[in-house]
Amino acid sequence: MRSSDMELPLMTARMAQAATEQPGRPWAVTGPLFGFSSTWQPVINSATLIVTFVMVFLIHGAKNDLMALGRESEETLNQVKAELSAACENIGEATAASRSE
């Protein structure tokens, strides 16, 4: 795996971590500052909607990364099983050949 291939998941993980730590903090502070005005409420609702969409995309991306990792693991496991089976067959053939001598 190239280093650039490893940087993207790491960067995504960092962004996801920051995104999970930040929601809620600014809203609680800005309400009293703006007196919970009628302008403040739609701004907060719009910002909340945007944050929600971003978080959904981050979660979906993380899910796709995990699914890809699972597929890679399954492929590796199948390769190991095939190689182990072939090695066992070779051992069996060698044992049979040595007995017939």
Protein backbone atom coordinates (compact mmCIF):
# COMPACT_ATOMS: atom_id res chain seq x y z
CA MET A 1 0.00 0.00 0.00
CA ARG A 2 1.38 3.39 -0.96
CA SER A 3 1.78 6.06 1.69
CA SER A 4 -0.68 8.30 -0.17
CA ASP A 5 -3.27 5.50 0.07
CA MET A 6 -2.82 5.46 3.84
CA GLU A 7 -3.01 9.26 4.21
CA LEU A 8 -6.60 9.56 2.95
CA PRO A 9 -8.17 7.23 5.56
CA LEU A 10 -6.06 8.90 8.26
CA MET A 11 -7.17 12.35 7.13
CA THR A 12 -10.79 11.18 6.98
CA ALA A 13 -10.51 9.72 10.47
CA ARG A 14 -9.11 13.00 11.80
CA MET A 15 -11.91 14.99 10.15
CA ALA A 16 -14.51 12.60 11.56
CA GLN A 17 -13.00 12.93 15.05
CA ALA A 18 -13.09 16.72 14.86
CA ALA A 19 -16.65 16.65 13.52
CA THR A 20 -17.86 14.53 16.43
CA GLU A 21 -16.26 16.78 19.03
CA GLN A 22 -17.56 20.13 17.79
CA PRO A 23 -21.36 19.97 17.27
CA GLY A 24 -23.37 21.71 19.93
CA ARG A 25 -20.63 23.96 21.30
CA PRO A 26 -21.20 27.05 19.13
CA TRP A 27 -24.98 26.85 19.31
CA ALA A 28 -25.05 26.97 23.10
CA VAL A 29 -22.80 30.04 23.15
CA THR A 30 -24.40 32.05 20.35
CA GLY A 31 -28.01 31.80 21.56
CA PRO A 32 -27.64 34.09 24.56
CA LEU A 33 -25.32 36.42 22.63
CA PHE A 34 -28.00 37.07 20.02
CA GLY A 35 -30.88 36.95 22.49
CA PHE A 36 -32.39 33.91 20.79
CA SER A 37 -33.74 36.31 18.14
CA SER A 38 -35.96 35.34 15.22
CA THR A 39 -32.94 35.75 12.91
CA TRP A 40 -30.73 33.56 15.07
CA GLN A 41 -33.10 30.59 14.96
CA PRO A 42 -33.15 30.07 11.15
CA VAL A 43 -29.38 30.54 11.00
CA ILE A 44 -28.89 27.87 13.66
CA ASN A 45 -31.42 25.57 11.96
CA SER A 46 -29.60 25.95 8.62
CA ALA A 47 -26.22 25.37 10.21
CA THR A 48 -27.55 22.31 12.03
CA LEU A 49 -28.89 20.92 8.75
CA ILE A 50 -25.50 21.39 7.06
CA VAL A 51 -23.65 19.74 9.95
CA THR A 52 -26.10 16.84 9.85
CA PHE A 53 -25.49 16.25 6.14
CA VAL A 54 -21.72 16.42 6.60
CA MET A 55 -21.87 13.92 9.45
CA VAL A 56 -24.02 11.54 7.39
CA PHE A 57 -21.45 11.64 4.59
CA LEU A 58 -18.61 11.05 7.07
CA ILE A 59 -20.41 8.08 8.61
CA HIS A 60 -21.20 6.67 5.15
CA GLY A 61 -17.54 7.05 4.14
CA ALA A 62 -16.36 5.28 7.28
CA LYS A 63 -18.83 2.46 6.60
CA ASN A 64 -17.50 2.08 3.05
CA ASP A 65 -13.91 1.97 4.36
CA LEU A 66 -14.85 -0.78 6.82
CA MET A 67 -16.66 -2.77 4.12
CA ALA A 68 -13.61 -2.53 1.84
CA LEU A 69 -11.37 -3.66 4.67
CA GLY A 70 -13.67 -6.63 5.30
CA ARG A 71 -13.57 -7.62 1.63
CA GLU A 72 -9.77 -7.39 1.57
CA SER A 73 -9.56 -9.51 4.71
CA GLU A 74 -11.89 -12.11 3.24
CA GLU A 75 -9.85 -12.27 0.01
CA THR A 76 -6.63 -12.70 1.99
CA LEU A 77 -8.19 -15.44 4.10
CA ASN A 78 -9.39 -17.27 0.98
CA GLN A 79 -5.90 -17.07 -0.53
CA VAL A 80 -4.35 -18.46 2.65
CA LYS A 81 -6.89 -21.31 2.70
CA ALA A 82 -6.11 -22.17 -0.93
CA GLU A 83 -2.36 -22.13 -0.32
CA LEU A 84 -2.73 -24.25 2.81
CA SER A 85 -4.89 -26.75 0.92
CA ALA A 86 -2.31 -26.95 -1.88
CA ALA A 87 0.50 -27.43 0.65
CA CYS A 88 -1.43 -30.25 2.34
CA GLU A 89 -1.99 -31.95 -1.04
CA ASN A 90 1.74 -31.68 -1.80
CA ILE A 91 2.59 -33.21 1.57
CA GLY A 92 0.11 -36.02 0.93
CA GLU A 93 1.56 -36.72 -2.50
CA ALA A 94 5.11 -36.69 -1.15
CA THR A 95 4.16 -39.08 1.65
CA ALA A 96 2.44 -41.45 -0.80
CA ALA A 97 5.44 -41.34 -3.12
CA SER A 98 7.87 -42.10 -0.29
CA ARG A 99 5.76 -45.09 0.83
CA SER A 100 5.68 -46.59 -2.66
CA GLU A 101 9.46 -46.57 -2.91
